[in-house]
Amino acid sequence: MKVETTGASKKTAQQDNLGYTGVEASETMAETDKDEMENYRSIIYTVAEECCIHPALIAAIISRESRAGKQIENNNGWGDWNPKRKMWNAFGLMQVDVNPDGGNHTPEGEWDSLDHLRQATGILVDFIGKIRDKFPNWSREEQLKGGIAAYNMGDGNVRSKNVDERTTGGDYSNDVVARAQWYNNNGFDN
């Protein structure tokens, strides 16, 4: 809740045909996904406790990555089609990167399962740790935001406090943080 955020960019807000950007757009998109997010409440809280991550942050990444499953359920959990490789780049509610040129992860569990959320949240925790080690002088909030950005594009692409300069939409961590703050205030608190 202490992390500063600018919210969604114009590109991200256009997913929902919103005529506005920023925190308001992120909040609108999070609210749009809230009913579907309820389907995953139990496993979100289980993984949040196991991984010491706030449940609202997990919900926010699910909202950003798969719109609480709505964008991928018809593809058996696969998303982010790569026409060059003729393969899907990501799997599950939190869209674990399976691309050999990217994260190269082997998916665990079904796309909407506890095992999937454990794997994806573990990847997030690892990235937060990598950013903490890479930038030990950053505040905890800046390290968290950097770890969220790294979840989207890898820790090698986090090079400065402008952590979103290389993320999808140029806003990944800002959008996720704004959605997480909304979820925290709307039923996904500790």
N, C-alpha and C. Protein backbone atom coordinates (compact mmCIF):
# COMPACT_ATOMS: atom_id res chain seq x y z
N MET A 1 0.82 -1.20 0.00
CA MET A 1 0.00 0.00 0.00
C MET A 1 0.86 1.27 0.00
N LYS A 2 2.14 1.13 0.33
CA LYS A 2 3.03 2.28 0.37
C LYS A 2 3.73 2.54 -0.96
N VAL A 3 3.57 1.63 -1.91
CA VAL A 3 4.26 1.77 -3.19
C VAL A 3 3.59 2.84 -4.03
N GLU A 4 4.38 3.79 -4.51
CA GLU A 4 3.84 4.84 -5.38
C GLU A 4 3.58 4.24 -6.76
N THR A 5 2.50 4.70 -7.38
CA THR A 5 2.13 4.16 -8.68
C THR A 5 1.45 5.21 -9.55
N THR A 6 1.68 5.08 -10.84
CA THR A 6 0.99 5.94 -11.81
C THR A 6 -0.14 5.18 -12.50
N GLY A 7 -0.24 3.88 -12.26
CA GLY A 7 -1.33 3.09 -12.85
C GLY A 7 -1.10 2.75 -14.31
N ALA A 8 -2.19 2.46 -14.98
CA ALA A 8 -2.16 1.94 -16.35
C ALA A 8 -1.85 3.01 -17.40
N SER A 9 -1.12 2.58 -18.42
CA SER A 9 -0.83 3.44 -19.56
C SER A 9 -2.04 3.45 -20.50
N LYS A 10 -1.97 4.31 -21.50
CA LYS A 10 -3.03 4.38 -22.51
C LYS A 10 -3.17 3.04 -23.22
N LYS A 11 -2.05 2.42 -23.56
CA LYS A 11 -2.07 1.13 -24.26
C LYS A 11 -2.80 0.07 -23.43
N THR A 12 -2.51 0.00 -22.14
CA THR A 12 -3.16 -0.99 -21.28
C THR A 12 -4.64 -0.66 -21.10
N ALA A 13 -4.95 0.60 -20.89
CA ALA A 13 -6.34 1.01 -20.69
C ALA A 13 -7.20 0.75 -21.92
N GLN A 14 -6.58 0.75 -23.10
CA GLN A 14 -7.32 0.49 -24.34
C GLN A 14 -7.85 -0.94 -24.41
N GLN A 15 -7.27 -1.86 -23.63
CA GLN A 15 -7.78 -3.24 -23.60
C GLN A 15 -9.27 -3.26 -23.25
N ASP A 16 -9.68 -2.33 -22.40
CA ASP A 16 -11.08 -2.24 -21.99
C ASP A 16 -11.78 -1.03 -22.62
N ASN A 17 -11.16 -0.47 -23.65
CA ASN A 17 -11.72 0.70 -24.33
C ASN A 17 -11.99 1.85 -23.38
N LEU A 18 -11.11 2.03 -22.42
CA LEU A 18 -11.28 3.11 -21.45
C LEU A 18 -10.77 4.42 -22.05
N GLY A 19 -11.46 5.49 -21.79
CA GLY A 19 -11.06 6.79 -22.28
C GLY A 19 -10.21 7.55 -21.29
N TYR A 20 -9.62 6.83 -20.35
CA TYR A 20 -8.77 7.44 -19.33
C TYR A 20 -7.68 6.45 -18.96
N THR A 21 -6.66 6.95 -18.27
CA THR A 21 -5.50 6.14 -17.91
C THR A 21 -5.25 6.25 -16.42
N GLY A 22 -4.08 5.77 -16.00
CA GLY A 22 -3.64 5.96 -14.62
C GLY A 22 -4.27 5.00 -13.64
N VAL A 23 -4.21 5.39 -12.38
CA VAL A 23 -4.73 4.56 -11.29
C VAL A 23 -6.21 4.26 -11.50
N GLU A 24 -6.97 5.25 -11.96
CA GLU A 24 -8.40 5.04 -12.19
C GLU A 24 -8.64 3.91 -13.20
N ALA A 25 -7.87 3.87 -14.26
CA ALA A 25 -8.02 2.81 -15.26
C ALA A 25 -7.65 1.45 -14.66
N SER A 26 -6.57 1.39 -13.91
CA SER A 26 -6.17 0.14 -13.27
C SER A 26 -7.26 -0.35 -12.32
N GLU A 27 -7.83 0.56 -11.55
CA GLU A 27 -8.89 0.20 -10.62
C GLU A 27 -10.12 -0.32 -11.36
N THR A 28 -10.46 0.32 -12.46
CA THR A 28 -11.62 -0.13 -13.26
C THR A 28 -11.40 -1.54 -13.77
N MET A 29 -10.20 -1.83 -14.28
CA MET A 29 -9.91 -3.17 -14.81
C MET A 29 -9.90 -4.21 -13.69
N ALA A 30 -9.36 -3.86 -12.53
CA ALA A 30 -9.38 -4.78 -11.39
C ALA A 30 -10.82 -5.08 -10.97
N GLU A 31 -11.63 -4.05 -10.93
CA GLU A 31 -13.04 -4.24 -10.55
C GLU A 31 -13.77 -5.11 -11.57
N THR A 32 -13.46 -4.92 -12.86
CA THR A 32 -14.07 -5.73 -13.91
C THR A 32 -13.77 -7.21 -13.70
N ASP A 33 -12.61 -7.53 -13.15
CA ASP A 33 -12.20 -8.92 -12.95
C ASP A 33 -12.57 -9.50 -11.59
N LYS A 34 -13.15 -8.69 -10.71
CA LYS A 34 -13.36 -9.13 -9.32
C LYS A 34 -14.26 -10.35 -9.20
N ASP A 35 -15.37 -10.42 -9.93
CA ASP A 35 -16.27 -11.56 -9.79
C ASP A 35 -15.57 -12.86 -10.17
N GLU A 36 -14.83 -12.86 -11.28
CA GLU A 36 -14.10 -14.06 -11.67
C GLU A 36 -12.98 -14.37 -10.69
N MET A 37 -12.36 -13.35 -10.12
CA MET A 37 -11.27 -13.54 -9.16
C MET A 37 -11.75 -14.31 -7.94
N GLU A 38 -13.00 -14.16 -7.60
CA GLU A 38 -13.56 -14.89 -6.45
C GLU A 38 -13.42 -16.40 -6.62
N ASN A 39 -13.41 -16.89 -7.86
CA ASN A 39 -13.24 -18.33 -8.12
C ASN A 39 -11.90 -18.84 -7.62
N TYR A 40 -10.93 -17.94 -7.45
CA TYR A 40 -9.57 -18.34 -7.09
C TYR A 40 -9.17 -17.88 -5.69
N ARG A 41 -10.11 -17.31 -4.96
CA ARG A 41 -9.82 -16.75 -3.63
C ARG A 41 -9.09 -17.75 -2.73
N SER A 42 -9.58 -18.95 -2.64
CA SER A 42 -9.01 -19.94 -1.73
C SER A 42 -7.55 -20.25 -2.08
N ILE A 43 -7.27 -20.49 -3.35
CA ILE A 43 -5.89 -20.83 -3.71
C ILE A 43 -4.98 -19.60 -3.65
N ILE A 44 -5.52 -18.43 -3.90
CA ILE A 44 -4.73 -17.20 -3.76
C ILE A 44 -4.27 -17.05 -2.31
N TYR A 45 -5.19 -17.22 -1.38
CA TYR A 45 -4.83 -17.07 0.04
C TYR A 45 -3.88 -18.15 0.52
N THR A 46 -4.05 -19.37 0.03
CA THR A 46 -3.14 -20.46 0.40
C THR A 46 -1.72 -20.13 -0.04
N VAL A 47 -1.57 -19.74 -1.30
CA VAL A 47 -0.24 -19.44 -1.84
C VAL A 47 0.32 -18.18 -1.20
N ALA A 48 -0.50 -17.19 -0.96
CA ALA A 48 -0.04 -15.96 -0.32
C ALA A 48 0.59 -16.27 1.03
N GLU A 49 -0.07 -17.12 1.80
CA GLU A 49 0.46 -17.48 3.11
C GLU A 49 1.75 -18.29 2.98
N GLU A 50 1.77 -19.25 2.08
CA GLU A 50 2.96 -20.09 1.89
C GLU A 50 4.17 -19.28 1.44
N CYS A 51 3.95 -18.31 0.58
CA CYS A 51 5.05 -17.54 -0.02
C CYS A 51 5.29 -16.19 0.63
N CYS A 52 4.52 -15.86 1.66
CA CYS A 52 4.64 -14.57 2.34
C CYS A 52 4.50 -13.40 1.36
N ILE A 53 3.51 -13.50 0.49
CA ILE A 53 3.18 -12.45 -0.47
C ILE A 53 1.74 -12.03 -0.22
N HIS A 54 1.48 -10.76 -0.33
CA HIS A 54 0.12 -10.26 -0.09
C HIS A 54 -0.85 -10.85 -1.13
N PRO A 55 -2.01 -11.34 -0.70
CA PRO A 55 -2.97 -11.91 -1.65
C PRO A 55 -3.43 -10.92 -2.71
N ALA A 56 -3.48 -9.65 -2.37
CA ALA A 56 -3.90 -8.64 -3.35
C ALA A 56 -2.91 -8.53 -4.50
N LEU A 57 -1.62 -8.77 -4.22
CA LEU A 57 -0.61 -8.72 -5.28
C LEU A 57 -0.79 -9.89 -6.24
N ILE A 58 -1.06 -11.07 -5.70
CA ILE A 58 -1.31 -12.22 -6.57
C ILE A 58 -2.55 -11.97 -7.42
N ALA A 59 -3.61 -11.47 -6.80
CA ALA A 59 -4.84 -11.16 -7.55
C ALA A 59 -4.56 -10.13 -8.65
N ALA A 60 -3.74 -9.14 -8.34
CA ALA A 60 -3.44 -8.09 -9.33
C ALA A 60 -2.69 -8.65 -10.53
N ILE A 61 -1.76 -9.56 -10.29
CA ILE A 61 -1.03 -10.16 -11.42
C ILE A 61 -1.96 -11.04 -12.23
N ILE A 62 -2.83 -11.78 -11.56
CA ILE A 62 -3.83 -12.58 -12.28
C ILE A 62 -4.71 -11.68 -13.13
N SER A 63 -5.12 -10.56 -12.59
CA SER A 63 -5.95 -9.61 -13.34
C SER A 63 -5.19 -9.08 -14.54
N ARG A 64 -3.96 -8.66 -14.35
CA ARG A 64 -3.17 -8.10 -15.45
C ARG A 64 -2.85 -9.16 -16.51
N GLU A 65 -2.46 -10.34 -16.09
CA GLU A 65 -1.97 -11.36 -17.02
C GLU A 65 -3.07 -12.09 -17.79
N SER A 66 -4.16 -12.41 -17.12
CA SER A 66 -5.18 -13.25 -17.77
C SER A 66 -6.61 -12.74 -17.59
N ARG A 67 -6.73 -11.58 -16.95
CA ARG A 67 -8.05 -11.01 -16.67
C ARG A 67 -8.88 -12.04 -15.89
N ALA A 68 -8.23 -12.61 -14.88
CA ALA A 68 -8.84 -13.62 -14.00
C ALA A 68 -9.29 -14.84 -14.79
N GLY A 69 -8.49 -15.18 -15.80
CA GLY A 69 -8.74 -16.37 -16.61
C GLY A 69 -9.59 -16.14 -17.83
N LYS A 70 -10.27 -15.01 -17.91
CA LYS A 70 -11.20 -14.76 -19.02
C LYS A 70 -10.50 -14.74 -20.38
N GLN A 71 -9.25 -14.30 -20.44
CA GLN A 71 -8.55 -14.21 -21.72
C GLN A 71 -7.95 -15.53 -22.17
N ILE A 72 -7.90 -16.53 -21.28
CA ILE A 72 -7.19 -17.76 -21.64
C ILE A 72 -7.98 -19.04 -21.44
N GLU A 73 -9.14 -18.99 -20.82
CA GLU A 73 -9.84 -20.23 -20.50
C GLU A 73 -10.21 -21.03 -21.74
N ASN A 74 -10.44 -20.39 -22.85
CA ASN A 74 -10.77 -21.12 -24.08
C ASN A 74 -9.54 -21.71 -24.77
N ASN A 75 -8.36 -21.36 -24.30
CA ASN A 75 -7.10 -21.88 -24.85
C ASN A 75 -6.45 -22.87 -23.90
N ASN A 76 -7.25 -23.44 -22.99
CA ASN A 76 -6.71 -24.37 -21.98
C ASN A 76 -5.58 -23.76 -21.17
N GLY A 77 -5.65 -22.47 -20.94
CA GLY A 77 -4.69 -21.79 -20.09
C GLY A 77 -3.51 -21.16 -20.80
N TRP A 78 -3.43 -21.30 -22.11
CA TRP A 78 -2.31 -20.76 -22.85
C TRP A 78 -2.61 -19.35 -23.33
N GLY A 79 -1.57 -18.51 -23.36
CA GLY A 79 -1.73 -17.14 -23.84
C GLY A 79 -0.47 -16.61 -24.48
N ASP A 80 -0.56 -15.44 -25.05
CA ASP A 80 0.55 -14.74 -25.67
C ASP A 80 1.12 -15.54 -26.85
N TRP A 81 0.32 -15.64 -27.91
CA TRP A 81 0.71 -16.39 -29.10
C TRP A 81 1.94 -15.78 -29.74
N ASN A 82 2.91 -16.62 -30.07
CA ASN A 82 4.14 -16.20 -30.74
C ASN A 82 4.08 -16.70 -32.18
N PRO A 83 3.71 -15.85 -33.15
CA PRO A 83 3.57 -16.30 -34.53
C PRO A 83 4.89 -16.75 -35.16
N LYS A 84 5.99 -16.15 -34.73
CA LYS A 84 7.29 -16.52 -35.27
C LYS A 84 7.65 -17.97 -34.92
N ARG A 85 7.43 -18.34 -33.67
CA ARG A 85 7.75 -19.69 -33.22
C ARG A 85 6.56 -20.65 -33.35
N LYS A 86 5.39 -20.09 -33.66
CA LYS A 86 4.16 -20.88 -33.75
C LYS A 86 3.91 -21.66 -32.45
N MET A 87 3.97 -20.92 -31.37
CA MET A 87 3.75 -21.52 -30.05
C MET A 87 3.22 -20.44 -29.10
N TRP A 88 2.63 -20.91 -28.01
CA TRP A 88 2.20 -20.00 -26.95
C TRP A 88 3.42 -19.67 -26.08
N ASN A 89 3.50 -18.43 -25.63
CA ASN A 89 4.62 -18.01 -24.80
C ASN A 89 4.38 -18.18 -23.31
N ALA A 90 3.11 -18.30 -22.89
CA ALA A 90 2.84 -18.27 -21.46
C ALA A 90 1.66 -19.18 -21.10
N PHE A 91 1.64 -19.59 -19.82
CA PHE A 91 0.64 -20.55 -19.36
C PHE A 91 0.07 -20.13 -18.01
N GLY A 92 -1.23 -20.29 -17.87
CA GLY A 92 -1.90 -20.17 -16.59
C GLY A 92 -2.41 -18.80 -16.23
N LEU A 93 -3.08 -18.75 -15.10
CA LEU A 93 -3.67 -17.51 -14.60
C LEU A 93 -2.63 -16.39 -14.51
N MET A 94 -1.42 -16.74 -14.10
CA MET A 94 -0.36 -15.74 -13.94
C MET A 94 0.61 -15.75 -15.11
N GLN A 95 0.26 -16.48 -16.19
CA GLN A 95 1.01 -16.51 -17.44
C GLN A 95 2.51 -16.72 -17.23
N VAL A 96 2.86 -17.90 -16.73
CA VAL A 96 4.26 -18.29 -16.56
C VAL A 96 4.90 -18.37 -17.95
N ASP A 97 6.07 -17.74 -18.09
CA ASP A 97 6.78 -17.66 -19.37
C ASP A 97 7.43 -19.01 -19.69
N VAL A 98 6.97 -19.63 -20.79
CA VAL A 98 7.51 -20.93 -21.22
C VAL A 98 8.42 -20.80 -22.44
N ASN A 99 8.54 -19.62 -22.98
CA ASN A 99 9.34 -19.41 -24.19
C ASN A 99 10.81 -19.73 -23.91
N PRO A 100 11.43 -20.56 -24.75
CA PRO A 100 12.85 -20.88 -24.55
C PRO A 100 13.76 -19.66 -24.56
N ASP A 101 13.35 -18.60 -25.25
CA ASP A 101 14.12 -17.36 -25.28
C ASP A 101 13.75 -16.41 -24.15
N GLY A 102 12.80 -16.83 -23.33
CA GLY A 102 12.35 -16.00 -22.21
C GLY A 102 12.62 -16.71 -20.89
N GLY A 103 11.55 -16.94 -20.13
CA GLY A 103 11.69 -17.60 -18.84
C GLY A 103 12.03 -19.07 -18.93
N ASN A 104 11.57 -19.71 -20.01
CA ASN A 104 11.84 -21.13 -20.25
C ASN A 104 11.39 -22.03 -19.10
N HIS A 105 10.27 -21.68 -18.48
CA HIS A 105 9.74 -22.49 -17.38
C HIS A 105 8.89 -23.63 -17.93
N THR A 106 8.87 -24.73 -17.22
CA THR A 106 7.97 -25.84 -17.52
C THR A 106 6.74 -25.66 -16.64
N PRO A 107 5.55 -25.51 -17.23
CA PRO A 107 4.36 -25.26 -16.42
C PRO A 107 4.09 -26.38 -15.41
N GLU A 108 3.64 -25.97 -14.25
CA GLU A 108 3.27 -26.92 -13.20
C GLU A 108 1.77 -26.82 -12.95
N GLY A 109 1.11 -27.95 -12.90
CA GLY A 109 -0.32 -28.00 -12.60
C GLY A 109 -1.18 -27.55 -13.76
N GLU A 110 -2.48 -27.57 -13.51
CA GLU A 110 -3.45 -27.06 -14.47
C GLU A 110 -3.38 -25.53 -14.46
N TRP A 111 -3.89 -24.91 -15.50
CA TRP A 111 -3.76 -23.46 -15.66
C TRP A 111 -4.38 -22.65 -14.53
N ASP A 112 -5.35 -23.22 -13.84
CA ASP A 112 -6.05 -22.49 -12.77
C ASP A 112 -5.90 -23.18 -11.43
N SER A 113 -4.79 -23.88 -11.23
CA SER A 113 -4.60 -24.71 -10.04
C SER A 113 -3.72 -24.06 -8.98
N LEU A 114 -3.76 -24.67 -7.81
CA LEU A 114 -2.89 -24.29 -6.71
C LEU A 114 -1.43 -24.46 -7.11
N ASP A 115 -1.10 -25.56 -7.79
CA ASP A 115 0.28 -25.79 -8.22
C ASP A 115 0.77 -24.68 -9.14
N HIS A 116 -0.09 -24.26 -10.06
CA HIS A 116 0.29 -23.17 -10.95
C HIS A 116 0.58 -21.89 -10.16
N LEU A 117 -0.32 -21.54 -9.26
CA LEU A 117 -0.10 -20.30 -8.49
C LEU A 117 1.15 -20.39 -7.63
N ARG A 118 1.42 -21.58 -7.08
CA ARG A 118 2.66 -21.76 -6.30
C ARG A 118 3.88 -21.49 -7.19
N GLN A 119 3.88 -22.07 -8.38
CA GLN A 119 5.01 -21.88 -9.28
C GLN A 119 5.17 -20.42 -9.65
N ALA A 120 4.11 -19.80 -10.10
CA ALA A 120 4.17 -18.42 -10.56
C ALA A 120 4.56 -17.46 -9.42
N THR A 121 3.99 -17.66 -8.25
CA THR A 121 4.32 -16.79 -7.12
C THR A 121 5.76 -17.02 -6.68
N GLY A 122 6.23 -18.26 -6.77
CA GLY A 122 7.64 -18.55 -6.48
C GLY A 122 8.56 -17.81 -7.43
N ILE A 123 8.18 -17.76 -8.70
CA ILE A 123 8.96 -17.01 -9.69
C ILE A 123 8.98 -15.53 -9.32
N LEU A 124 7.84 -14.98 -8.93
CA LEU A 124 7.76 -13.59 -8.50
C LEU A 124 8.67 -13.34 -7.30
N VAL A 125 8.60 -14.20 -6.30
CA VAL A 125 9.44 -14.06 -5.10
C VAL A 125 10.92 -14.09 -5.49
N ASP A 126 11.29 -14.99 -6.40
CA ASP A 126 12.68 -15.05 -6.85
C ASP A 126 13.11 -13.73 -7.50
N PHE A 127 12.24 -13.18 -8.33
CA PHE A 127 12.58 -11.91 -8.99
C PHE A 127 12.70 -10.77 -7.98
N ILE A 128 11.84 -10.74 -7.00
CA ILE A 128 11.95 -9.69 -5.97
C ILE A 128 13.30 -9.81 -5.28
N GLY A 129 13.72 -11.04 -4.96
CA GLY A 129 15.02 -11.26 -4.33
C GLY A 129 16.17 -10.84 -5.22
N LYS A 130 16.07 -11.15 -6.51
CA LYS A 130 17.13 -10.77 -7.44
C LYS A 130 17.26 -9.25 -7.53
N ILE A 131 16.12 -8.56 -7.56
CA ILE A 131 16.17 -7.09 -7.63
C ILE A 131 16.68 -6.52 -6.31
N ARG A 132 16.32 -7.13 -5.20
CA ARG A 132 16.83 -6.68 -3.90
C ARG A 132 18.36 -6.81 -3.86
N ASP A 133 18.88 -7.94 -4.38
CA ASP A 133 20.32 -8.13 -4.41
C ASP A 133 21.01 -7.19 -5.40
N LYS A 134 20.37 -6.96 -6.53
CA LYS A 134 20.95 -6.12 -7.58
C LYS A 134 20.97 -4.64 -7.19
N PHE A 135 19.95 -4.22 -6.45
CA PHE A 135 19.82 -2.81 -6.05
C PHE A 135 19.60 -2.72 -4.54
N PRO A 136 20.63 -3.03 -3.75
CA PRO A 136 20.46 -3.07 -2.29
C PRO A 136 20.15 -1.71 -1.66
N ASN A 137 20.44 -0.62 -2.37
CA ASN A 137 20.20 0.71 -1.82
C ASN A 137 18.80 1.24 -2.12
N TRP A 138 18.04 0.51 -2.92
CA TRP A 138 16.67 0.92 -3.18
C TRP A 138 15.82 0.65 -1.94
N SER A 139 14.74 1.41 -1.79
CA SER A 139 13.79 1.14 -0.70
C SER A 139 13.09 -0.20 -0.95
N ARG A 140 12.50 -0.75 0.07
CA ARG A 140 11.77 -2.02 -0.08
C ARG A 140 10.64 -1.88 -1.11
N GLU A 141 10.00 -0.73 -1.13
CA GLU A 141 8.93 -0.49 -2.09
C GLU A 141 9.48 -0.46 -3.53
N GLU A 142 10.63 0.18 -3.71
CA GLU A 142 11.24 0.22 -5.04
C GLU A 142 11.70 -1.17 -5.47
N GLN A 143 12.22 -1.95 -4.54
CA GLN A 143 12.63 -3.32 -4.86
C GLN A 143 11.43 -4.18 -5.23
N LEU A 144 10.33 -4.01 -4.52
CA LEU A 144 9.11 -4.76 -4.84
C LEU A 144 8.64 -4.41 -6.25
N LYS A 145 8.60 -3.13 -6.53
CA LYS A 145 8.16 -2.68 -7.85
C LYS A 145 9.10 -3.21 -8.94
N GLY A 146 10.39 -3.20 -8.68
CA GLY A 146 11.36 -3.76 -9.62
C GLY A 146 11.16 -5.25 -9.82
N GLY A 147 10.84 -5.97 -8.74
CA GLY A 147 10.58 -7.40 -8.85
C GLY A 147 9.33 -7.70 -9.65
N ILE A 148 8.32 -6.87 -9.51
CA ILE A 148 7.09 -7.03 -10.29
C ILE A 148 7.40 -6.80 -11.77
N ALA A 149 8.18 -5.76 -12.07
CA ALA A 149 8.57 -5.50 -13.47
C ALA A 149 9.38 -6.67 -14.02
N ALA A 150 10.28 -7.21 -13.21
CA ALA A 150 11.10 -8.35 -13.64
C ALA A 150 10.24 -9.57 -13.93
N TYR A 151 9.16 -9.75 -13.19
CA TYR A 151 8.24 -10.86 -13.47
C TYR A 151 7.74 -10.78 -14.91
N ASN A 152 7.57 -9.59 -15.40
CA ASN A 152 7.08 -9.38 -16.77
C ASN A 152 8.19 -9.53 -17.81
N MET A 153 9.40 -9.11 -17.52
CA MET A 153 10.40 -9.02 -18.59
C MET A 153 11.78 -9.51 -18.21
N GLY A 154 11.93 -10.09 -17.02
CA GLY A 154 13.23 -10.57 -16.58
C GLY A 154 14.02 -9.52 -15.84
N ASP A 155 14.82 -9.98 -14.89
CA ASP A 155 15.57 -9.04 -14.04
C ASP A 155 16.68 -8.31 -14.78
N GLY A 156 17.18 -8.88 -15.88
CA GLY A 156 18.21 -8.20 -16.66
C GLY A 156 17.73 -6.93 -17.33
N ASN A 157 16.43 -6.80 -17.47
CA ASN A 157 15.86 -5.61 -18.10
C ASN A 157 15.52 -4.51 -17.09
N VAL A 158 15.68 -4.79 -15.81
CA VAL A 158 15.50 -3.76 -14.78
C VAL A 158 16.86 -3.14 -14.57
N ARG A 159 17.00 -1.89 -15.03
CA ARG A 159 18.32 -1.24 -15.02
C ARG A 159 18.36 0.05 -14.23
N SER A 160 17.18 0.57 -13.89
CA SER A 160 17.12 1.82 -13.14
C SER A 160 15.79 1.86 -12.39
N LYS A 161 15.57 2.92 -11.65
CA LYS A 161 14.32 3.06 -10.92
C LYS A 161 13.13 3.25 -11.85
N ASN A 162 13.39 3.54 -13.11
CA ASN A 162 12.33 3.59 -14.12
C ASN A 162 12.09 2.14 -14.57
N VAL A 163 11.58 1.32 -13.67
CA VAL A 163 11.52 -0.12 -13.88
C VAL A 163 10.61 -0.54 -15.02
N ASP A 164 9.66 0.30 -15.40
CA ASP A 164 8.71 -0.07 -16.46
C ASP A 164 9.15 0.33 -17.86
N GLU A 165 10.34 0.88 -18.01
CA GLU A 165 10.74 1.37 -19.33
C GLU A 165 10.76 0.27 -20.38
N ARG A 166 10.90 -0.99 -19.99
CA ARG A 166 10.94 -2.09 -20.96
C ARG A 166 9.79 -3.08 -20.78
N THR A 167 8.84 -2.78 -19.92
CA THR A 167 7.75 -3.72 -19.67
C THR A 167 6.65 -3.59 -20.72
N THR A 168 5.82 -4.60 -20.79
CA THR A 168 4.66 -4.59 -21.69
C THR A 168 3.78 -3.39 -21.35
N GLY A 169 3.49 -2.57 -22.35
CA GLY A 169 2.67 -1.39 -22.14
C GLY A 169 3.41 -0.24 -21.48
N GLY A 170 4.67 -0.46 -21.09
CA GLY A 170 5.45 0.57 -20.41
C GLY A 170 4.91 0.92 -19.04
N ASP A 171 4.13 -0.02 -18.45
CA ASP A 171 3.44 0.29 -17.19
C ASP A 171 3.24 -0.90 -16.28
N TYR A 172 3.86 -2.04 -16.57
CA TYR A 172 3.50 -3.29 -15.90
C TYR A 172 3.47 -3.17 -14.38
N SER A 173 4.57 -2.75 -13.76
CA SER A 173 4.58 -2.69 -12.30
C SER A 173 3.63 -1.62 -11.77
N ASN A 174 3.54 -0.50 -12.45
CA ASN A 174 2.62 0.56 -12.00
C ASN A 174 1.17 0.10 -12.06
N ASP A 175 0.81 -0.59 -13.14
CA ASP A 175 -0.55 -1.09 -13.27
C ASP A 175 -0.83 -2.17 -12.23
N VAL A 176 0.10 -3.12 -12.07
CA VAL A 176 -0.10 -4.20 -11.10
C VAL A 176 -0.22 -3.63 -9.69
N VAL A 177 0.63 -2.68 -9.33
CA VAL A 177 0.55 -2.09 -7.99
C VAL A 177 -0.80 -1.40 -7.78
N ALA A 178 -1.26 -0.65 -8.76
CA ALA A 178 -2.55 0.03 -8.62
C ALA A 178 -3.69 -0.99 -8.48
N ARG A 179 -3.64 -2.07 -9.26
CA ARG A 179 -4.66 -3.11 -9.13
C ARG A 179 -4.57 -3.77 -7.75
N ALA A 180 -3.34 -4.03 -7.28
CA ALA A 180 -3.17 -4.65 -5.97
C ALA A 180 -3.74 -3.76 -4.87
N GLN A 181 -3.51 -2.47 -4.97
CA GLN A 181 -4.06 -1.57 -3.96
C GLN A 181 -5.58 -1.60 -3.99
N TRP A 182 -6.17 -1.69 -5.19
CA TRP A 182 -7.62 -1.79 -5.30
C TRP A 182 -8.11 -3.10 -4.68
N TYR A 183 -7.46 -4.22 -5.02
CA TYR A 183 -7.88 -5.51 -4.45
C TYR A 183 -7.73 -5.51 -2.94
N ASN A 184 -6.67 -4.90 -2.42
CA ASN A 184 -6.50 -4.83 -0.97
C ASN A 184 -7.67 -4.11 -0.31
N ASN A 185 -8.16 -3.08 -0.97
CA ASN A 185 -9.27 -2.29 -0.41
C ASN A 185 -10.64 -2.90 -0.72
N ASN A 186 -10.65 -3.98 -1.50
CA ASN A 186 -11.93 -4.56 -1.94
C ASN A 186 -11.95 -6.08 -1.77
N GLY A 187 -11.55 -6.53 -0.58
CA GLY A 187 -11.79 -7.91 -0.22
C GLY A 187 -10.62 -8.87 -0.29
N PHE A 188 -9.46 -8.44 -0.79
CA PHE A 188 -8.30 -9.32 -0.83
C PHE A 188 -7.19 -8.79 0.08
N ASP A 189 -7.59 -8.41 1.28
CA ASP A 189 -6.62 -7.92 2.25
C ASP A 189 -6.13 -9.10 3.10
N ASN A 190 -5.13 -8.81 3.92
CA ASN A 190 -4.59 -9.87 4.78
C ASN A 190 -5.62 -10.20 5.79
